[in-house]
Amino acid sequence: MRFSAAEAVRAAGIDEARLAAVLPRVLPSRVPVWRANRLVRLCWPRGITAMALPWGVYLAPAALERPLADLGPLIVHELTHLEQWRRLGPLGWARSYLGDYLRGRRAGLGHWKAYRAVGLEAEAREVAAQLRPETGR
């Protein structure tokens, strides 16, 4: 299955002008969303639903069982990671993401708490919440 991120954004009723203002380096119509195959999912920690890579977004098969409109906030979260990647560059992104994660682990946090403490993850959650339509989706 493949569709563009713009399709999920539109289906969810997310304001595309606001999205463009918040994520100026990302054009959702040019970001493909794919079903993550088994090989991709082997690289994921347990519990991951989606992953953004520089060329697109991969979703776990279970996520694709949800209505397209329900995927909007998740897609915005992943688009935020693409914006971060483009803003920081691959090395800057990796340094920030892995640095935050490893600091959390060294501080004694378990995997999920360290993951949630990553600044780039917090930013992606905030952007997705900020752009969530008022309809409660």
N, C-alpha and C. Protein backbone atom coordinates (compact mmCIF):
# COMPACT_ATOMS: atom_id res chain seq x y z
N MET A 1 0.85 -1.18 0.00
CA MET A 1 0.00 0.00 0.00
C MET A 1 0.89 1.24 0.00
N ARG A 2 0.52 2.22 -0.79
CA ARG A 2 1.27 3.47 -0.84
C ARG A 2 0.30 4.61 -1.07
N PHE A 3 0.50 5.70 -0.36
CA PHE A 3 -0.26 6.93 -0.57
C PHE A 3 0.64 8.08 -0.17
N SER A 4 0.24 9.31 -0.44
CA SER A 4 1.07 10.45 -0.05
C SER A 4 0.65 10.93 1.34
N ALA A 5 1.59 11.54 2.02
CA ALA A 5 1.30 12.10 3.34
C ALA A 5 0.17 13.13 3.24
N ALA A 6 0.11 13.84 2.12
CA ALA A 6 -0.93 14.85 1.93
C ALA A 6 -2.33 14.23 2.00
N GLU A 7 -2.48 13.00 1.51
CA GLU A 7 -3.78 12.35 1.55
C GLU A 7 -4.26 12.15 2.99
N ALA A 8 -3.36 11.72 3.86
CA ALA A 8 -3.73 11.52 5.27
C ALA A 8 -3.99 12.86 5.96
N VAL A 9 -3.17 13.85 5.64
CA VAL A 9 -3.34 15.19 6.23
C VAL A 9 -4.71 15.75 5.85
N ARG A 10 -5.06 15.64 4.58
CA ARG A 10 -6.37 16.15 4.11
C ARG A 10 -7.51 15.36 4.73
N ALA A 11 -7.39 14.04 4.75
CA ALA A 11 -8.46 13.20 5.30
C ALA A 11 -8.71 13.52 6.77
N ALA A 12 -7.65 13.90 7.48
CA ALA A 12 -7.78 14.22 8.91
C ALA A 12 -8.29 15.64 9.14
N GLY A 13 -8.39 16.44 8.09
CA GLY A 13 -8.85 17.82 8.25
C GLY A 13 -7.81 18.74 8.84
N ILE A 14 -6.54 18.39 8.69
CA ILE A 14 -5.45 19.22 9.21
C ILE A 14 -5.26 20.41 8.28
N ASP A 15 -5.13 21.59 8.83
CA ASP A 15 -4.97 22.82 8.07
C ASP A 15 -3.62 22.80 7.35
N GLU A 16 -3.66 22.69 6.03
CA GLU A 16 -2.43 22.56 5.25
C GLU A 16 -1.60 23.84 5.25
N ALA A 17 -2.25 24.99 5.36
CA ALA A 17 -1.50 26.25 5.42
C ALA A 17 -0.71 26.34 6.73
N ARG A 18 -1.33 25.94 7.83
CA ARG A 18 -0.62 25.92 9.11
C ARG A 18 0.51 24.90 9.09
N LEU A 19 0.24 23.73 8.49
CA LEU A 19 1.27 22.71 8.38
C LEU A 19 2.47 23.25 7.60
N ALA A 20 2.22 23.93 6.49
CA ALA A 20 3.30 24.49 5.67
C ALA A 20 4.08 25.55 6.44
N ALA A 21 3.40 26.32 7.28
CA ALA A 21 4.08 27.34 8.07
C ALA A 21 4.97 26.73 9.15
N VAL A 22 4.52 25.63 9.74
CA VAL A 22 5.27 24.98 10.82
C VAL A 22 6.38 24.09 10.27
N LEU A 23 6.13 23.48 9.12
CA LEU A 23 7.10 22.56 8.51
C LEU A 23 7.44 23.05 7.10
N PRO A 24 8.15 24.17 6.98
CA PRO A 24 8.37 24.77 5.65
C PRO A 24 9.25 23.96 4.71
N ARG A 25 10.03 23.05 5.22
CA ARG A 25 10.94 22.27 4.37
C ARG A 25 10.33 20.97 3.86
N VAL A 26 9.07 20.71 4.22
CA VAL A 26 8.42 19.45 3.86
C VAL A 26 7.18 19.74 3.02
N LEU A 27 7.07 19.05 1.91
CA LEU A 27 5.89 19.14 1.05
C LEU A 27 5.17 17.79 1.12
N PRO A 28 4.09 17.70 1.90
CA PRO A 28 3.43 16.41 2.12
C PRO A 28 3.04 15.67 0.84
N SER A 29 2.72 16.39 -0.21
CA SER A 29 2.33 15.72 -1.46
C SER A 29 3.50 14.96 -2.09
N ARG A 30 4.71 15.27 -1.66
CA ARG A 30 5.90 14.59 -2.19
C ARG A 30 6.49 13.58 -1.22
N VAL A 31 5.77 13.32 -0.14
CA VAL A 31 6.26 12.35 0.85
C VAL A 31 5.40 11.09 0.75
N PRO A 32 5.98 10.01 0.22
CA PRO A 32 5.22 8.77 0.14
C PRO A 32 5.13 8.10 1.50
N VAL A 33 4.02 7.41 1.71
CA VAL A 33 3.81 6.62 2.92
C VAL A 33 3.63 5.17 2.46
N TRP A 34 4.45 4.29 3.02
CA TRP A 34 4.44 2.88 2.64
C TRP A 34 4.11 2.00 3.82
N ARG A 35 3.61 0.82 3.52
CA ARG A 35 3.49 -0.24 4.51
C ARG A 35 4.90 -0.75 4.77
N ALA A 36 5.28 -0.79 6.03
CA ALA A 36 6.61 -1.30 6.39
C ALA A 36 6.64 -2.80 6.21
N ASN A 37 7.57 -3.26 5.40
CA ASN A 37 7.68 -4.70 5.19
C ASN A 37 8.42 -5.34 6.36
N ARG A 38 8.52 -6.64 6.33
CA ARG A 38 9.13 -7.39 7.43
C ARG A 38 10.57 -6.96 7.69
N LEU A 39 11.35 -6.72 6.63
CA LEU A 39 12.74 -6.32 6.79
C LEU A 39 12.86 -4.98 7.52
N VAL A 40 12.03 -4.03 7.14
CA VAL A 40 12.03 -2.72 7.82
C VAL A 40 11.65 -2.90 9.28
N ARG A 41 10.62 -3.69 9.55
CA ARG A 41 10.14 -3.86 10.92
C ARG A 41 11.14 -4.61 11.80
N LEU A 42 12.00 -5.41 11.21
CA LEU A 42 13.04 -6.09 12.00
C LEU A 42 13.99 -5.08 12.65
N CYS A 43 14.12 -3.91 12.06
CA CYS A 43 15.00 -2.86 12.60
C CYS A 43 14.32 -2.02 13.67
N TRP A 44 13.02 -2.19 13.85
CA TRP A 44 12.27 -1.37 14.80
C TRP A 44 12.24 -2.00 16.18
N PRO A 45 12.35 -1.19 17.21
CA PRO A 45 12.09 -1.71 18.56
C PRO A 45 10.60 -2.09 18.66
N ARG A 46 10.30 -3.01 19.53
CA ARG A 46 8.90 -3.43 19.75
C ARG A 46 8.06 -2.20 20.12
N GLY A 47 6.88 -2.12 19.55
CA GLY A 47 5.96 -1.04 19.89
C GLY A 47 6.01 0.16 18.95
N ILE A 48 6.92 0.16 17.99
CA ILE A 48 7.00 1.28 17.05
C ILE A 48 5.89 1.13 16.02
N THR A 49 5.21 2.23 15.71
CA THR A 49 4.10 2.23 14.76
C THR A 49 4.50 2.82 13.41
N ALA A 50 5.47 3.75 13.44
CA ALA A 50 5.86 4.44 12.21
C ALA A 50 7.31 4.89 12.31
N MET A 51 7.89 5.11 11.13
CA MET A 51 9.26 5.61 11.08
C MET A 51 9.40 6.49 9.83
N ALA A 52 10.02 7.64 10.02
CA ALA A 52 10.32 8.52 8.90
C ALA A 52 11.78 8.34 8.51
N LEU A 53 12.01 8.20 7.24
CA LEU A 53 13.35 8.18 6.67
C LEU A 53 13.40 9.31 5.64
N PRO A 54 14.56 9.74 5.23
CA PRO A 54 14.63 10.92 4.35
C PRO A 54 13.76 10.82 3.10
N TRP A 55 13.44 9.63 2.65
CA TRP A 55 12.69 9.47 1.41
C TRP A 55 11.22 9.18 1.62
N GLY A 56 10.75 9.03 2.86
CA GLY A 56 9.34 8.78 3.09
C GLY A 56 9.05 8.24 4.46
N VAL A 57 7.82 7.82 4.65
CA VAL A 57 7.33 7.34 5.95
C VAL A 57 6.89 5.88 5.79
N TYR A 58 7.25 5.06 6.77
CA TYR A 58 6.84 3.66 6.82
C TYR A 58 5.89 3.48 7.99
N LEU A 59 4.79 2.78 7.74
CA LEU A 59 3.81 2.49 8.80
C LEU A 59 3.72 1.00 9.04
N ALA A 60 3.54 0.63 10.29
CA ALA A 60 3.30 -0.77 10.64
C ALA A 60 1.98 -1.20 10.03
N PRO A 61 1.87 -2.46 9.61
CA PRO A 61 0.63 -2.94 9.00
C PRO A 61 -0.61 -2.67 9.86
N ALA A 62 -0.50 -2.80 11.16
CA ALA A 62 -1.66 -2.55 12.04
C ALA A 62 -2.14 -1.11 11.94
N ALA A 63 -1.23 -0.16 11.76
CA ALA A 63 -1.63 1.24 11.62
C ALA A 63 -2.45 1.45 10.36
N LEU A 64 -2.13 0.70 9.32
CA LEU A 64 -2.83 0.85 8.05
C LEU A 64 -4.24 0.27 8.08
N GLU A 65 -4.59 -0.42 9.15
CA GLU A 65 -5.96 -0.91 9.29
C GLU A 65 -6.89 0.19 9.77
N ARG A 66 -6.32 1.28 10.28
CA ARG A 66 -7.11 2.41 10.76
C ARG A 66 -7.58 3.25 9.57
N PRO A 67 -8.68 3.99 9.72
CA PRO A 67 -9.10 4.90 8.65
C PRO A 67 -8.01 5.95 8.37
N LEU A 68 -7.91 6.35 7.12
CA LEU A 68 -6.89 7.31 6.72
C LEU A 68 -6.96 8.59 7.56
N ALA A 69 -8.17 9.04 7.86
CA ALA A 69 -8.33 10.27 8.65
C ALA A 69 -7.69 10.13 10.03
N ASP A 70 -7.69 8.93 10.59
CA ASP A 70 -7.12 8.71 11.92
C ASP A 70 -5.59 8.76 11.89
N LEU A 71 -5.00 8.60 10.72
CA LEU A 71 -3.54 8.59 10.60
C LEU A 71 -2.94 9.98 10.52
N GLY A 72 -3.76 11.01 10.35
CA GLY A 72 -3.25 12.36 10.18
C GLY A 72 -2.25 12.81 11.23
N PRO A 73 -2.58 12.75 12.52
CA PRO A 73 -1.62 13.19 13.54
C PRO A 73 -0.32 12.38 13.54
N LEU A 74 -0.41 11.08 13.30
CA LEU A 74 0.79 10.26 13.22
C LEU A 74 1.65 10.69 12.03
N ILE A 75 1.02 10.95 10.90
CA ILE A 75 1.76 11.40 9.72
C ILE A 75 2.40 12.76 9.99
N VAL A 76 1.69 13.67 10.65
CA VAL A 76 2.29 14.97 10.99
C VAL A 76 3.50 14.77 11.90
N HIS A 77 3.40 13.86 12.86
CA HIS A 77 4.54 13.55 13.73
C HIS A 77 5.74 13.14 12.88
N GLU A 78 5.51 12.23 11.93
CA GLU A 78 6.61 11.76 11.09
C GLU A 78 7.11 12.84 10.14
N LEU A 79 6.22 13.68 9.63
CA LEU A 79 6.65 14.80 8.78
C LEU A 79 7.53 15.76 9.57
N THR A 80 7.25 15.90 10.85
CA THR A 80 8.09 16.76 11.70
C THR A 80 9.51 16.20 11.76
N HIS A 81 9.66 14.90 11.79
CA HIS A 81 11.00 14.31 11.77
C HIS A 81 11.71 14.61 10.44
N LEU A 82 10.96 14.61 9.34
CA LEU A 82 11.57 14.97 8.06
C LEU A 82 12.01 16.43 8.08
N GLU A 83 11.20 17.30 8.64
CA GLU A 83 11.57 18.71 8.78
C GLU A 83 12.84 18.85 9.62
N GLN A 84 12.92 18.12 10.71
CA GLN A 84 14.10 18.17 11.58
C GLN A 84 15.34 17.71 10.82
N TRP A 85 15.19 16.63 10.08
CA TRP A 85 16.30 16.07 9.30
C TRP A 85 16.82 17.12 8.32
N ARG A 86 15.90 17.79 7.65
CA ARG A 86 16.29 18.79 6.65
C ARG A 86 16.85 20.04 7.31
N ARG A 87 16.35 20.38 8.47
CA ARG A 87 16.82 21.56 9.19
C ARG A 87 18.20 21.34 9.80
N LEU A 88 18.42 20.16 10.37
CA LEU A 88 19.67 19.88 11.09
C LEU A 88 20.72 19.17 10.24
N GLY A 89 20.28 18.55 9.16
CA GLY A 89 21.17 17.70 8.38
C GLY A 89 21.27 16.35 9.05
N PRO A 90 21.72 15.34 8.31
CA PRO A 90 21.73 13.98 8.87
C PRO A 90 22.62 13.83 10.10
N LEU A 91 23.79 14.46 10.09
CA LEU A 91 24.67 14.32 11.25
C LEU A 91 24.15 15.08 12.45
N GLY A 92 23.63 16.29 12.21
CA GLY A 92 23.06 17.07 13.31
C GLY A 92 21.85 16.39 13.92
N TRP A 93 21.02 15.80 13.05
CA TRP A 93 19.85 15.08 13.54
C TRP A 93 20.27 13.88 14.39
N ALA A 94 21.20 13.10 13.87
CA ALA A 94 21.65 11.90 14.60
C ALA A 94 22.32 12.29 15.91
N ARG A 95 23.12 13.33 15.91
CA ARG A 95 23.80 13.77 17.13
C ARG A 95 22.78 14.19 18.19
N SER A 96 21.78 14.96 17.77
CA SER A 96 20.76 15.41 18.71
C SER A 96 19.92 14.25 19.23
N TYR A 97 19.41 13.44 18.31
CA TYR A 97 18.50 12.35 18.69
C TYR A 97 19.22 11.32 19.55
N LEU A 98 20.33 10.81 19.05
CA LEU A 98 21.06 9.78 19.79
C LEU A 98 21.66 10.33 21.08
N GLY A 99 22.12 11.58 21.03
CA GLY A 99 22.68 12.19 22.24
C GLY A 99 21.65 12.27 23.35
N ASP A 100 20.45 12.75 23.02
CA ASP A 100 19.38 12.83 24.02
C ASP A 100 19.02 11.44 24.55
N TYR A 101 18.89 10.49 23.62
CA TYR A 101 18.51 9.13 24.02
C TYR A 101 19.57 8.53 24.95
N LEU A 102 20.83 8.64 24.57
CA LEU A 102 21.90 8.05 25.39
C LEU A 102 22.04 8.75 26.73
N ARG A 103 21.83 10.08 26.77
CA ARG A 103 21.84 10.78 28.06
C ARG A 103 20.75 10.23 28.98
N GLY A 104 19.57 10.00 28.40
CA GLY A 104 18.48 9.43 29.19
C GLY A 104 18.82 8.05 29.72
N ARG A 105 19.41 7.23 28.87
CA ARG A 105 19.78 5.87 29.30
C ARG A 105 20.85 5.93 30.39
N ARG A 106 21.85 6.80 30.20
CA ARG A 106 22.91 6.93 31.23
C ARG A 106 22.35 7.44 32.55
N ALA A 107 21.25 8.20 32.46
CA ALA A 107 20.61 8.71 33.68
C ALA A 107 19.73 7.66 34.34
N GLY A 108 19.70 6.46 33.75
CA GLY A 108 18.96 5.37 34.37
C GLY A 108 17.55 5.18 33.82
N LEU A 109 17.18 5.93 32.78
CA LEU A 109 15.85 5.76 32.21
C LEU A 109 15.80 4.48 31.39
N GLY A 110 14.68 3.82 31.40
CA GLY A 110 14.46 2.67 30.53
C GLY A 110 14.30 3.16 29.09
N HIS A 111 14.21 2.22 28.16
CA HIS A 111 14.14 2.57 26.74
C HIS A 111 13.02 3.56 26.44
N TRP A 112 11.78 3.25 26.85
CA TRP A 112 10.65 4.09 26.47
C TRP A 112 10.70 5.46 27.12
N LYS A 113 11.15 5.53 28.36
CA LYS A 113 11.26 6.86 29.01
C LYS A 113 12.37 7.68 28.35
N ALA A 114 13.47 7.04 27.99
CA ALA A 114 14.55 7.75 27.29
C ALA A 114 14.08 8.21 25.91
N TYR A 115 13.33 7.36 25.23
CA TYR A 115 12.78 7.71 23.92
C TYR A 115 11.86 8.92 24.03
N ARG A 116 10.98 8.92 25.03
CA ARG A 116 10.05 10.03 25.20
C ARG A 116 10.76 11.32 25.62
N ALA A 117 11.96 11.19 26.19
CA ALA A 117 12.73 12.36 26.61
C ALA A 117 13.56 12.96 25.48
N VAL A 118 13.64 12.32 24.34
CA VAL A 118 14.39 12.86 23.21
C VAL A 118 13.72 14.15 22.76
N GLY A 119 14.49 15.23 22.70
CA GLY A 119 13.94 16.53 22.33
C GLY A 119 13.24 16.54 20.98
N LEU A 120 13.80 15.84 20.00
CA LEU A 120 13.19 15.80 18.67
C LEU A 120 11.86 15.04 18.69
N GLU A 121 11.73 14.05 19.55
CA GLU A 121 10.46 13.35 19.70
C GLU A 121 9.43 14.26 20.37
N ALA A 122 9.87 14.99 21.39
CA ALA A 122 8.97 15.92 22.07
C ALA A 122 8.45 16.98 21.09
N GLU A 123 9.36 17.49 20.25
CA GLU A 123 8.95 18.48 19.24
C GLU A 123 7.91 17.88 18.29
N ALA A 124 8.14 16.65 17.83
CA ALA A 124 7.21 16.01 16.90
C ALA A 124 5.84 15.79 17.56
N ARG A 125 5.83 15.39 18.82
CA ARG A 125 4.55 15.22 19.53
C ARG A 125 3.84 16.57 19.66
N GLU A 126 4.60 17.62 19.96
CA GLU A 126 4.01 18.95 20.13
C GLU A 126 3.42 19.47 18.82
N VAL A 127 4.15 19.31 17.73
CA VAL A 127 3.64 19.78 16.43
C VAL A 127 2.38 19.02 16.06
N ALA A 128 2.37 17.70 16.24
CA ALA A 128 1.18 16.91 15.92
C ALA A 128 -0.01 17.35 16.76
N ALA A 129 0.21 17.63 18.03
CA ALA A 129 -0.88 18.09 18.90
C ALA A 129 -1.35 19.49 18.49
N GLN A 130 -0.42 20.35 18.16
CA GLN A 130 -0.74 21.73 17.77
C GLN A 130 -1.58 21.76 16.48
N LEU A 131 -1.32 20.86 15.57
CA LEU A 131 -2.02 20.86 14.28
C LEU A 131 -3.24 19.95 14.26
N ARG A 132 -3.49 19.26 15.35
CA ARG A 132 -4.67 18.38 15.42
C ARG A 132 -5.93 19.22 15.26
N PRO A 133 -6.83 18.81 14.38
CA PRO A 133 -8.07 19.59 14.19
C PRO A 133 -8.89 19.65 15.47
N GLU A 134 -9.69 20.68 15.57
CA GLU A 134 -10.53 20.90 16.75
C GLU A 134 -11.63 19.85 16.87
N THR A 135 -11.86 19.07 15.83
CA THR A 135 -12.96 18.10 15.83
C THR A 135 -12.72 16.94 16.80
N GLY A 136 -11.50 16.87 17.37
CA GLY A 136 -11.23 15.81 18.33
C GLY A 136 -10.65 14.57 17.69
N ARG A 137 -10.29 14.64 16.44
CA ARG A 137 -9.68 13.47 15.78
C ARG A 137 -8.34 13.17 16.34
